[in-house]
C-alpha atoms as a PDB file:
ATOM      1  CA  MET A   1      94.164  92.122  30.242  1.00  0.00           C
ATOM      2  CA  VAL A   2      91.217  89.801  29.713  1.00  0.00           C
ATOM      3  CA  SER A   3      91.820  86.189  28.758  1.00  0.00           C
ATOM      4  CA  SER A   4      89.572  84.510  26.256  1.00  0.00           C
ATOM      5  CA  SER A   5      90.556  81.046  27.648  1.00  0.00           C
ATOM      6  CA  PRO A   6      88.262  79.406  30.155  1.00  0.00           C
ATOM      7  CA  ILE A   7      89.381  79.327  33.801  1.00  0.00           C
ATOM      8  CA  VAL A   8      90.585  75.900  34.971  1.00  0.00           C
ATOM      9  CA  THR A   9      88.601  74.456  37.898  1.00  0.00           C
ATOM     10  CA  LYS A  10      89.823  72.223  40.738  1.00  0.00           C
ATOM     11  CA  GLN A  11      87.787  69.397  39.345  1.00  0.00           C
ATOM     12  CA  GLN A  12      89.565  69.663  36.022  1.00  0.00           C
ATOM     13  CA  VAL A  13      92.940  69.628  37.776  1.00  0.00           C
ATOM     14  CA  ASP A  14      91.916  66.589  39.817  1.00  0.00           C
ATOM     15  CA  ARG A  15      90.691  64.787  36.671  1.00  0.00           C
ATOM     16  CA  GLN A  16      93.325  65.904  34.218  1.00  0.00           C
ATOM     17  CA  GLU A  17      93.196  63.829  31.033  1.00  0.00           C
ATOM     18  CA  TRP A  18      96.402  62.172  29.762  1.00  0.00           C
ATOM     19  CA  LEU A  19      97.047  60.774  26.315  1.00  0.00           C
ATOM     20  CA  VAL A  20      99.298  57.768  26.735  1.00  0.00           C
ATOM     21  CA  VAL A  21     101.191  56.025  23.902  1.00  0.00           C
ATOM     22  CA  LEU A  22     102.948  52.746  24.782  1.00  0.00           C
ATOM     23  CA  PRO A  23     104.768  51.005  21.976  1.00  0.00           C
ATOM     24  CA  ASP A  24     105.433  47.221  22.352  1.00  0.00           C
ATOM     25  CA  ASN A  25     108.779  45.647  22.503  1.00  0.00           C
ATOM     26  CA  LYS A  26     109.788  43.716  19.427  1.00  0.00           C
ATOM     27  CA  GLY A  27     108.472  40.128  19.045  1.00  0.00           C
ATOM     28  CA  VAL A  28     105.922  40.181  21.860  1.00  0.00           C
ATOM     29  CA  LEU A  29     102.722  39.852  19.877  1.00  0.00           C
ATOM     30  CA  PRO A  30     102.106  36.154  20.674  1.00  0.00           C
ATOM     31  CA  LYS A  31     102.593  36.849  24.428  1.00  0.00           C
ATOM     32  CA  ARG A  32     100.415  39.987  24.179  1.00  0.00           C
ATOM     33  CA  MET A  33      97.567  37.905  22.647  1.00  0.00           C
ATOM     34  CA  GLU A  34      97.966  35.211  25.379  1.00  0.00           C
ATOM     35  CA  LEU A  35      97.663  37.964  28.063  1.00  0.00           C
ATOM     36  CA  ARG A  36      94.699  39.696  26.437  1.00  0.00           C
ATOM     37  CA  PRO A  37      91.864  38.137  28.537  1.00  0.00           C
ATOM     38  CA  ALA A  38      93.763  38.914  31.803  1.00  0.00           C
ATOM     39  CA  HIS A  39      94.542  42.462  30.644  1.00  0.00           C
ATOM     40  CA  ARG A  40      90.895  43.163  29.668  1.00  0.00           C
ATOM     41  CA  LYS A  41      89.590  41.758  32.985  1.00  0.00           C
ATOM     42  CA  ALA A  42      92.058  43.845  35.002  1.00  0.00           C
ATOM     43  CA  VAL A  43      91.185  47.191  33.298  1.00  0.00           C
ATOM     44  CA  GLU A  44      87.444  46.790  33.676  1.00  0.00           C
ATOM     45  CA  PRO A  45      87.296  48.493  37.132  1.00  0.00           C
ATOM     46  CA  ASP A  46      89.374  51.436  35.869  1.00  0.00           C
ATOM     47  CA  GLU A  47      87.081  51.794  32.866  1.00  0.00           C
ATOM     48  CA  ARG A  48      83.988  51.774  35.093  1.00  0.00           C
ATOM     49  CA  SER A  49      85.490  54.357  37.459  1.00  0.00           C
ATOM     50  CA  GLY A  50      86.408  56.631  34.521  1.00  0.00           C
ATOM     51  CA  PHE A  51      90.195  56.376  35.211  1.00  0.00           C
ATOM     52  CA  PHE A  52      90.554  54.967  31.670  1.00  0.00           C
ATOM     53  CA  LYS A  53      88.255  56.819  29.202  1.00  0.00           C
ATOM     54  CA  VAL A  54      89.395  55.361  25.921  1.00  0.00           C
ATOM     55  CA  GLY A  55      92.043  52.830  25.001  1.00  0.00           C
ATOM     56  CA  GLY A  56      93.114  50.163  22.552  1.00  0.00           C
ATOM     57  CA  GLY A  57      95.790  48.857  20.327  1.00  0.00           C
ATOM     58  CA  ILE A  58      98.147  50.736  18.074  1.00  0.00           C
ATOM     59  CA  LEU A  59      98.378  48.855  14.790  1.00  0.00           C
ATOM     60  CA  GLU A  60     101.415  48.231  12.604  1.00  0.00           C
ATOM     61  CA  ASP A  61      99.341  49.147   9.595  1.00  0.00           C
ATOM     62  CA  LYS A  62      95.779  49.678   8.558  1.00  0.00           C
ATOM     63  CA  LEU A  63      93.365  46.763   8.791  1.00  0.00           C
ATOM     64  CA  GLU A  64      93.118  44.495   5.753  1.00  0.00           C
ATOM     65  CA  GLU A  65      90.360  41.911   5.266  1.00  0.00           C
ATOM     66  CA  GLY A  66      91.730  38.370   5.677  1.00  0.00           C
ATOM     67  CA  GLU A  67      94.938  39.574   7.323  1.00  0.00           C
ATOM     68  CA  PRO A  68      95.899  38.950  10.981  1.00  0.00           C
ATOM     69  CA  LEU A  69      95.603  41.791  13.552  1.00  0.00           C
ATOM     70  CA  ARG A  70      99.093  43.165  14.113  1.00  0.00           C
ATOM     71  CA  ILE A  71      99.169  45.196  17.347  1.00  0.00           C
ATOM     72  CA  ALA A  72     102.295  47.272  17.901  1.00  0.00           C
ATOM     73  CA  GLY A  73     101.441  48.942  21.220  1.00  0.00           C
ATOM     74  CA  SER A  74      98.688  50.588  23.219  1.00  0.00           C
ATOM     75  CA  PHE A  75      97.080  53.987  23.480  1.00  0.00           C
ATOM     76  CA  LEU A  76      94.740  55.407  26.084  1.00  0.00           C
ATOM     77  CA  ILE A  77      93.293  58.454  27.635  1.00  0.00           C
ATOM     78  CA  ALA A  78      93.361  58.308  31.429  1.00  0.00           C
ATOM     79  CA  CYS A  79      92.066  60.734  34.051  1.00  0.00           C
ATOM     80  CA  ALA A  80      94.352  61.472  36.965  1.00  0.00           C
ATOM     81  CA  LYS A  81      95.972  64.243  38.935  1.00  0.00           C
ATOM     82  CA  SER A  82      99.416  63.571  37.527  1.00  0.00           C
ATOM     83  CA  SER A  83     101.288  61.671  34.920  1.00  0.00           C
ATOM     84  CA  ASP A  84     102.962  59.817  37.785  1.00  0.00           C
ATOM     85  CA  GLU A  85      99.555  58.525  38.938  1.00  0.00           C
ATOM     86  CA  VAL A  86      98.881  57.223  35.399  1.00  0.00           C
ATOM     87  CA  LYS A  87     102.380  55.568  35.267  1.00  0.00           C
ATOM     88  CA  GLU A  88     101.825  53.938  38.685  1.00  0.00           C
ATOM     89  CA  ARG A  89      98.580  52.349  37.459  1.00  0.00           C
ATOM     90  CA  LEU A  90     100.153  51.231  34.155  1.00  0.00           C
ATOM     91  CA  GLN A  91     102.989  49.459  36.050  1.00  0.00           C
ATOM     92  CA  LYS A  92     100.336  47.238  37.685  1.00  0.00           C
ATOM     93  CA  ASP A  93      99.120  46.044  34.206  1.00  0.00           C
ATOM     94  CA  VAL A  94     100.011  42.558  32.954  1.00  0.00           C
ATOM     95  CA  HIS A  95     101.478  44.174  29.805  1.00  0.00           C
ATOM     96  CA  PHE A  96     104.015  46.038  31.995  1.00  0.00           C
ATOM     97  CA  GLU A  97     104.668  43.068  34.264  1.00  0.00           C
ATOM     98  CA  HIS A  98     105.349  40.718  31.338  1.00  0.00           C
ATOM     99  CA  GLY A  99     107.503  43.120  29.329  1.00  0.00           C
ATOM    100  CA  ILE A 100     105.034  43.745  26.489  1.00  0.00           C
ATOM    101  CA  TRP A 101     105.351  47.492  26.529  1.00  0.00           C
ATOM    102  CA  ASP A 102     108.695  49.261  25.705  1.00  0.00           C
ATOM    103  CA  TRP A 103     108.555  51.454  28.831  1.00  0.00           C
ATOM    104  CA  ASP A 104     111.566  53.445  27.582  1.00  0.00           C
ATOM    105  CA  LYS A 105     109.398  54.704  24.721  1.00  0.00           C
ATOM    106  CA  LEU A 106     106.391  55.637  26.878  1.00  0.00           C
ATOM    107  CA  GLN A 107     104.845  58.981  25.747  1.00  0.00           C
ATOM    108  CA  ILE A 108     102.340  60.852  27.970  1.00  0.00           C
ATOM    109  CA  TYR A 109     100.784  64.156  27.255  1.00  0.00           C
ATOM    110  CA  PRO A 110      98.197  66.323  29.163  1.00  0.00           C
ATOM    111  CA  VAL A 111      95.157  66.672  26.889  1.00  0.00           C
ATOM    112  CA  ARG A 112      91.649  68.002  27.000  1.00  0.00           C
ATOM    113  CA  ASP A 113      88.994  65.623  25.509  1.00  0.00           C
ATOM    114  CA  ARG A 114      86.252  67.795  23.966  1.00  0.00           C
ATOM    115  CA  SER A 115      83.986  64.786  23.153  1.00  0.00           C
ATOM    116  CA  ARG A 116      82.453  65.036  26.657  1.00  0.00           C
ATOM    117  CA  LEU A 117      81.292  68.520  25.831  1.00  0.00           C
ATOM    118  CA  GLY A 118      79.140  67.165  22.996  1.00  0.00           C
ATOM    119  CA  SER A 119      81.059  68.789  20.277  1.00  0.00           C
ATOM    120  CA  LEU A 120      82.391  65.403  19.057  1.00  0.00           C
ATOM    121  CA  SER A 121      80.731  61.983  19.198  1.00  0.00           C
ATOM    122  CA  PRO A 122      82.785  59.380  21.073  1.00  0.00           C
ATOM    123  CA  SER A 123      83.365  57.416  17.870  1.00  0.00           C
ATOM    124  CA  LEU A 124      84.574  60.487  16.011  1.00  0.00           C
ATOM    125  CA  MET A 125      86.913  61.317  18.974  1.00  0.00           C
ATOM    126  CA  GLN A 126      88.379  57.841  18.791  1.00  0.00           C
ATOM    127  CA  HIS A 127      89.067  58.335  15.106  1.00  0.00           C
ATOM    128  CA  LYS A 128      90.686  61.739  15.760  1.00  0.00           C
ATOM    129  CA  VAL A 129      92.899  60.192  18.552  1.00  0.00           C
ATOM    130  CA  ALA A 130      93.948  57.407  16.254  1.00  0.00           C
ATOM    131  CA  ALA A 131      94.747  59.883  13.485  1.00  0.00           C
ATOM    132  CA  ALA A 132      96.704  62.050  15.933  1.00  0.00           C
ATOM    133  CA  LEU A 133      98.735  59.064  17.021  1.00  0.00           C
ATOM    134  CA  PHE A 134      99.693  58.405  13.401  1.00  0.00           C
ATOM    135  CA  TYR A 135     101.713  61.671  13.530  1.00  0.00           C
ATOM    136  CA  PHE A 136     103.697  60.936  16.773  1.00  0.00           C
END
């Protein structure tokens, strides 16, 4: 029997992509905003290395002009051999260390990001990820 699916390579296994959804604990938005500069500085090396491909805040609701930004969690796509490797890295983040994320509600899924194949622009991929998160 011939499969129409592409054969998975070692490089793909070593750089498996993971969609991560991390809701915040209740009432942590002021602390989250206080930690924002430290969080951004700490993730820069992982962004440069490609460990984190895409990431950002999950919003309580759609953006409205003149309204404050209400972040309710984080989402990201990470590249790692295993979900445990992703979890280990996230546990070093200031959001984990300061109890921002509700770790009991962590969701992590193996995914395949087609944007790198040129079929989707990065901005369109981000919109598709955000739309997909809406349905979780």
